[in-house]
C-alpha atoms as a PDB file:
ATOM      1  CA  MET A   1     -37.320 -14.043   5.121  1.00  0.00           C
ATOM      2  CA  ALA A   2     -34.483 -11.804   3.857  1.00  0.00           C
ATOM      3  CA  LYS A   3     -31.067 -12.845   3.649  1.00  0.00           C
ATOM      4  CA  LYS A   4     -28.307 -10.796   4.603  1.00  0.00           C
ATOM      5  CA  LYS A   5     -25.607 -10.088   2.277  1.00  0.00           C
ATOM      6  CA  LEU A   6     -22.246 -10.436   3.672  1.00  0.00           C
ATOM      7  CA  ILE A   7     -19.055  -8.480   2.658  1.00  0.00           C
ATOM      8  CA  LYS A   8     -16.607 -10.778   1.465  1.00  0.00           C
ATOM      9  CA  THR A   9     -13.071  -9.714   2.567  1.00  0.00           C
ATOM     10  CA  SER A  10     -11.456 -10.089  -0.744  1.00  0.00           C
ATOM     11  CA  THR A  11     -13.729  -6.995  -1.653  1.00  0.00           C
ATOM     12  CA  VAL A  12     -12.954  -5.312   1.392  1.00  0.00           C
ATOM     13  CA  GLY A  13      -9.354  -5.550   0.268  1.00  0.00           C
ATOM     14  CA  LYS A  14      -9.905  -4.780  -3.261  1.00  0.00           C
ATOM     15  CA  TRP A  15     -11.579  -1.318  -1.962  1.00  0.00           C
ATOM     16  CA  ALA A  16      -9.133  -0.744   0.526  1.00  0.00           C
ATOM     17  CA  PHE A  17      -6.234  -0.935  -2.468  1.00  0.00           C
ATOM     18  CA  ILE A  18      -8.127   1.438  -4.647  1.00  0.00           C
ATOM     19  CA  ILE A  19      -9.312   3.811  -2.399  1.00  0.00           C
ATOM     20  CA  GLY A  20      -5.514   4.022  -1.013  1.00  0.00           C
ATOM     21  CA  ILE A  21      -4.026   4.618  -4.523  1.00  0.00           C
ATOM     22  CA  VAL A  22      -6.893   7.233  -5.017  1.00  0.00           C
ATOM     23  CA  ILE A  23      -5.744   8.670  -1.863  1.00  0.00           C
ATOM     24  CA  ALA A  24      -2.093   8.769  -2.573  1.00  0.00           C
ATOM     25  CA  ILE A  25      -2.633  10.637  -5.802  1.00  0.00           C
ATOM     26  CA  LEU A  26      -5.129  13.269  -4.160  1.00  0.00           C
ATOM     27  CA  THR A  27      -2.940  13.977  -1.110  1.00  0.00           C
ATOM     28  CA  GLY A  28      -0.086  15.010  -3.591  1.00  0.00           C
ATOM     29  CA  PHE A  29      -2.360  17.828  -4.100  1.00  0.00           C
ATOM     30  CA  LEU A  30      -3.672  18.406  -0.545  1.00  0.00           C
ATOM     31  CA  GLN A  31      -0.517  17.995   1.634  1.00  0.00           C
ATOM     32  CA  LEU A  32      -2.193  17.277   4.841  1.00  0.00           C
ATOM     33  CA  ALA A  33      -0.096  15.733   7.345  1.00  0.00           C
ATOM     34  CA  TRP A  34      -2.447  13.189   8.774  1.00  0.00           C
ATOM     35  CA  PHE A  35      -2.845  11.448   5.075  1.00  0.00           C
ATOM     36  CA  PRO A  36       0.120   8.919   5.559  1.00  0.00           C
ATOM     37  CA  ALA A  37      -1.436   7.358   8.544  1.00  0.00           C
ATOM     38  CA  VAL A  38      -5.077   6.800   6.719  1.00  0.00           C
ATOM     39  CA  LEU A  39      -2.942   5.023   4.221  1.00  0.00           C
ATOM     40  CA  PHE A  40      -0.687   3.099   6.360  1.00  0.00           C
ATOM     41  CA  VAL A  41      -4.142   1.764   7.830  1.00  0.00           C
ATOM     42  CA  LEU A  42      -5.359   1.137   4.471  1.00  0.00           C
ATOM     43  CA  GLY A  43      -2.355  -0.604   3.529  1.00  0.00           C
ATOM     44  CA  VAL A  44      -2.638  -2.878   6.690  1.00  0.00           C
ATOM     45  CA  ALA A  45      -6.201  -3.672   5.724  1.00  0.00           C
ATOM     46  CA  VAL A  46      -5.165  -4.804   1.944  1.00  0.00           C
ATOM     47  CA  GLY A  47      -2.294  -6.920   3.360  1.00  0.00           C
ATOM     48  CA  PHE A  48      -4.689  -8.442   5.757  1.00  0.00           C
ATOM     49  CA  PHE A  49      -7.703  -9.037   3.169  1.00  0.00           C
ATOM     50  CA  ASN A  50      -6.772  -8.910  -0.189  1.00  0.00           C
ATOM     51  CA  VAL A  51      -3.573 -11.539  -0.476  1.00  0.00           C
ATOM     52  CA  SER A  52      -3.999 -14.985  -0.839  1.00  0.00           C
ATOM     53  CA  LYS A  53      -1.636 -17.599   0.069  1.00  0.00           C
ATOM     54  CA  SER A  54      -0.915 -18.552  -3.720  1.00  0.00           C
ATOM     55  CA  GLU A  55      -0.246 -14.842  -4.168  1.00  0.00           C
ATOM     56  CA  VAL A  56       2.167 -14.087  -1.430  1.00  0.00           C
ATOM     57  CA  PRO A  57       5.461 -14.601  -3.320  1.00  0.00           C
ATOM     58  CA  LEU A  58       4.531 -12.502  -6.568  1.00  0.00           C
ATOM     59  CA  TYR A  59       2.834  -9.937  -4.065  1.00  0.00           C
ATOM     60  CA  LEU A  60       5.886  -9.419  -1.990  1.00  0.00           C
ATOM     61  CA  MET A  61       8.158  -9.182  -5.032  1.00  0.00           C
ATOM     62  CA  ALA A  62       5.704  -6.614  -6.776  1.00  0.00           C
ATOM     63  CA  THR A  63       5.766  -4.770  -3.513  1.00  0.00           C
ATOM     64  CA  ALA A  64       9.584  -4.694  -3.192  1.00  0.00           C
ATOM     65  CA  VAL A  65       9.642  -3.317  -6.754  1.00  0.00           C
ATOM     66  CA  LEU A  66       6.908  -0.559  -6.089  1.00  0.00           C
ATOM     67  CA  ILE A  67       8.719   0.636  -3.154  1.00  0.00           C
ATOM     68  CA  LEU A  68      12.220   0.598  -4.733  1.00  0.00           C
ATOM     69  CA  SER A  69      10.465   2.426  -7.803  1.00  0.00           C
ATOM     70  CA  ALA A  70       8.782   5.044  -5.576  1.00  0.00           C
ATOM     71  CA  SER A  71      12.069   5.714  -3.510  1.00  0.00           C
ATOM     72  CA  SER A  72      14.085   6.016  -6.675  1.00  0.00           C
ATOM     73  CA  LEU A  73      11.670   8.357  -8.309  1.00  0.00           C
ATOM     74  CA  LEU A  74      11.595  10.370  -4.964  1.00  0.00           C
ATOM     75  CA  ASN A  75      15.497  10.580  -5.329  1.00  0.00           C
ATOM     76  CA  LEU A  76      15.597  11.853  -8.652  1.00  0.00           C
ATOM     77  CA  GLN A  77      12.916  14.446  -7.285  1.00  0.00           C
ATOM     78  CA  ASN A  78      15.444  15.769  -4.826  1.00  0.00           C
ATOM     79  CA  LEU A  79      18.404  15.877  -7.738  1.00  0.00           C
ATOM     80  CA  ILE A  80      15.791  17.947  -9.798  1.00  0.00           C
ATOM     81  CA  GLY A  81      15.357  20.264  -7.181  1.00  0.00           C
ATOM     82  CA  ALA A  82      12.874  23.145  -7.511  1.00  0.00           C
ATOM     83  CA  SER A  83      11.963  22.459 -11.042  1.00  0.00           C
ATOM     84  CA  ALA A  84      10.018  19.377 -10.142  1.00  0.00           C
ATOM     85  CA  PRO A  85       6.920  19.687  -8.424  1.00  0.00           C
ATOM     86  CA  ILE A  86       6.522  19.192  -4.772  1.00  0.00           C
ATOM     87  CA  MET A  87       3.175  17.421  -5.071  1.00  0.00           C
ATOM     88  CA  LEU A  88       5.383  14.542  -6.835  1.00  0.00           C
ATOM     89  CA  LYS A  89       7.275  13.890  -3.522  1.00  0.00           C
ATOM     90  CA  TYR A  90       3.992  13.906  -1.387  1.00  0.00           C
ATOM     91  CA  ILE A  91       2.424  11.321  -3.905  1.00  0.00           C
ATOM     92  CA  LEU A  92       5.373   9.079  -4.021  1.00  0.00           C
ATOM     93  CA  SER A  93       5.782   9.034  -0.228  1.00  0.00           C
ATOM     94  CA  ASN A  94       2.172   8.417   0.471  1.00  0.00           C
ATOM     95  CA  PHE A  95       2.249   5.707  -1.964  1.00  0.00           C
ATOM     96  CA  ASN A  96       5.321   4.264  -0.228  1.00  0.00           C
ATOM     97  CA  ALA A  97       3.338   4.336   3.336  1.00  0.00           C
ATOM     98  CA  PHE A  98       0.428   2.640   1.559  1.00  0.00           C
ATOM     99  CA  VAL A  99       2.594  -0.188  -0.097  1.00  0.00           C
ATOM    100  CA  ALA A 100       5.145  -0.651   2.577  1.00  0.00           C
ATOM    101  CA  ALA A 101       2.344  -1.291   4.995  1.00  0.00           C
ATOM    102  CA  SER A 102       0.365  -3.969   2.998  1.00  0.00           C
ATOM    103  CA  GLY A 103       3.596  -5.594   2.574  1.00  0.00           C
ATOM    104  CA  LEU A 104       4.861  -5.735   5.593  1.00  0.00           C
ATOM    105  CA  VAL A 105       1.644  -7.426   6.815  1.00  0.00           C
ATOM    106  CA  VAL A 106       2.287 -10.042   3.797  1.00  0.00           C
ATOM    107  CA  ALA A 107       5.637 -10.489   4.983  1.00  0.00           C
ATOM    108  CA  ILE A 108       4.904 -10.968   8.669  1.00  0.00           C
ATOM    109  CA  ARG A 109       1.887 -13.290   7.851  1.00  0.00           C
ATOM    110  CA  THR A 110       4.339 -15.397   5.653  1.00  0.00           C
ATOM    111  CA  VAL A 111       7.100 -15.462   8.646  1.00  0.00           C
ATOM    112  CA  ILE A 112       4.313 -16.907  10.976  1.00  0.00           C
ATOM    113  CA  ALA A 113       3.237 -19.470   8.496  1.00  0.00           C
ATOM    114  CA  LEU A 114       6.607 -20.543   7.695  1.00  0.00           C
ATOM    115  CA  GLY A 115       7.550 -21.149  11.382  1.00  0.00           C
ATOM    116  CA  GLN A 116       4.415 -22.987  11.644  1.00  0.00           C
ATOM    117  CA  ASN A 117       5.358 -25.695   8.742  1.00  0.00           C
ATOM    118  CA  ASP A 118       7.796 -27.321  11.116  1.00  0.00           C
END
């Protein structure tokens, strides 16, 4: 009797995170318009499957810092202008789409959980 192997949700979340980061970097070179949508979906998967209740405060703080850092670097790239590679802009924008989606899911889950603790 063969046992079925179940895929753990934490494994799905970890792979979604790794794939999202790789795609965010690779899309800086390819610059396809539909990649941010793929990254958004992967970010949602990370938010649902990869963040446990005990990791929420640290994850939301890290997400906020990552988004602010990437946004600041995007502004720096705009100031530098043509001397900065355009792929940097696409990498940072895609990274923001990925991280923001995961942070949004975790934040919504946290607000719902806080509302149920009455």
